[in-house]
Amino acid sequence: MFRVRQELTNVKAANAALVKEKAAAETVAKEAKEAEVRTAKALEEENVDRTNLNKTVEGLQA
């Protein structure tokens, strides 16, 4: 009976560790997604700035 209780304790401990690892992985995934969104937004803003700069240069060359 002691072995069964010990095994149950080990399984519970392993489960608790997995729950913590899952939570950490979900946090990292969320942060990565947020970083991806920020990067995409920054790239879009830079493209707008480049387009405006190109228009300015074209206007000066005309």
C-alpha atoms as a PDB file:
ATOM      1  CA  MET A   1       0.000   0.000   0.000  1.00  0.00           C
ATOM      2  CA  PHE A   2       2.903   2.346   0.714  1.00  0.00           C
ATOM      3  CA  ARG A   3       4.142   1.980  -2.880  1.00  0.00           C
ATOM      4  CA  VAL A   4       0.742   2.939  -4.247  1.00  0.00           C
ATOM      5  CA  ARG A   5       0.590   6.043  -2.067  1.00  0.00           C
ATOM      6  CA  GLN A   6       4.132   6.974  -3.007  1.00  0.00           C
ATOM      7  CA  GLU A   7       3.348   6.513  -6.695  1.00  0.00           C
ATOM      8  CA  LEU A   8       0.215   8.660  -6.314  1.00  0.00           C
ATOM      9  CA  THR A   9       2.278  11.356  -4.620  1.00  0.00           C
ATOM     10  CA  ASN A  10       4.809  11.227  -7.450  1.00  0.00           C
ATOM     11  CA  VAL A  11       2.093  11.445 -10.085  1.00  0.00           C
ATOM     12  CA  LYS A  12       0.505  14.420  -8.323  1.00  0.00           C
ATOM     13  CA  ALA A  13       3.870  16.170  -8.143  1.00  0.00           C
ATOM     14  CA  ALA A  14       4.531  15.492 -11.815  1.00  0.00           C
ATOM     15  CA  ASN A  15       1.071  16.779 -12.704  1.00  0.00           C
ATOM     16  CA  ALA A  16       1.631  19.978 -10.712  1.00  0.00           C
ATOM     17  CA  ALA A  17       4.937  20.527 -12.517  1.00  0.00           C
ATOM     18  CA  LEU A  18       3.269  20.007 -15.890  1.00  0.00           C
ATOM     19  CA  VAL A  19       0.522  22.479 -15.019  1.00  0.00           C
ATOM     20  CA  LYS A  20       3.169  25.085 -14.183  1.00  0.00           C
ATOM     21  CA  GLU A  21       5.081  24.356 -17.387  1.00  0.00           C
ATOM     22  CA  LYS A  22       1.893  24.635 -19.434  1.00  0.00           C
ATOM     23  CA  ALA A  23       1.082  28.001 -17.857  1.00  0.00           C
ATOM     24  CA  ALA A  24       4.603  29.239 -18.550  1.00  0.00           C
ATOM     25  CA  ALA A  25       4.430  28.051 -22.164  1.00  0.00           C
ATOM     26  CA  GLU A  26       1.074  29.759 -22.644  1.00  0.00           C
ATOM     27  CA  THR A  27       2.502  32.996 -21.258  1.00  0.00           C
ATOM     28  CA  VAL A  28       5.469  32.812 -23.619  1.00  0.00           C
ATOM     29  CA  ALA A  29       3.167  32.085 -26.571  1.00  0.00           C
ATOM     30  CA  LYS A  30       0.957  35.049 -25.675  1.00  0.00           C
ATOM     31  CA  GLU A  31       3.962  37.365 -25.381  1.00  0.00           C
ATOM     32  CA  ALA A  32       5.310  36.118 -28.706  1.00  0.00           C
ATOM     33  CA  LYS A  33       1.969  36.783 -30.397  1.00  0.00           C
ATOM     34  CA  GLU A  34       1.858  40.285 -28.925  1.00  0.00           C
ATOM     35  CA  ALA A  35       5.398  40.931 -30.146  1.00  0.00           C
ATOM     36  CA  GLU A  36       4.419  39.699 -33.604  1.00  0.00           C
ATOM     37  CA  VAL A  37       1.465  42.095 -33.682  1.00  0.00           C
ATOM     38  CA  ARG A  38       3.657  45.007 -32.543  1.00  0.00           C
ATOM     39  CA  THR A  39       6.255  44.168 -35.176  1.00  0.00           C
ATOM     40  CA  ALA A  40       3.651  43.998 -37.923  1.00  0.00           C
ATOM     41  CA  LYS A  41       2.218  47.345 -36.850  1.00  0.00           C
ATOM     42  CA  ALA A  42       5.670  48.949 -36.766  1.00  0.00           C
ATOM     43  CA  LEU A  43       6.445  47.562 -40.218  1.00  0.00           C
ATOM     44  CA  GLU A  44       3.196  48.956 -41.542  1.00  0.00           C
ATOM     45  CA  GLU A  45       3.995  52.383 -40.074  1.00  0.00           C
ATOM     46  CA  GLU A  46       7.485  52.298 -41.573  1.00  0.00           C
ATOM     47  CA  ASN A  47       6.035  51.454 -44.983  1.00  0.00           C
ATOM     48  CA  VAL A  48       3.692  54.464 -44.719  1.00  0.00           C
ATOM     49  CA  ASP A  49       6.644  56.667 -43.761  1.00  0.00           C
ATOM     50  CA  ARG A  50       8.672  55.347 -46.704  1.00  0.00           C
ATOM     51  CA  THR A  51       5.791  55.964 -49.087  1.00  0.00           C
ATOM     52  CA  ASN A  52       5.445  59.531 -47.817  1.00  0.00           C
ATOM     53  CA  LEU A  53       9.189  60.072 -48.142  1.00  0.00           C
ATOM     54  CA  ASN A  54       9.157  58.753 -51.706  1.00  0.00           C
ATOM     55  CA  LYS A  55       6.328  61.150 -52.572  1.00  0.00           C
ATOM     56  CA  THR A  56       8.292  64.029 -51.051  1.00  0.00           C
ATOM     57  CA  VAL A  57      11.394  63.119 -53.070  1.00  0.00           C
ATOM     58  CA  GLU A  58       9.330  62.844 -56.258  1.00  0.00           C
ATOM     59  CA  GLY A  59       7.837  66.264 -55.543  1.00  0.00           C
ATOM     60  CA  LEU A  60      11.278  67.797 -55.064  1.00  0.00           C
ATOM     61  CA  GLN A  61      12.570  66.221 -58.272  1.00  0.00           C
ATOM     62  CA  ALA A  62       9.665  67.512 -60.351  1.00  0.00           C
END
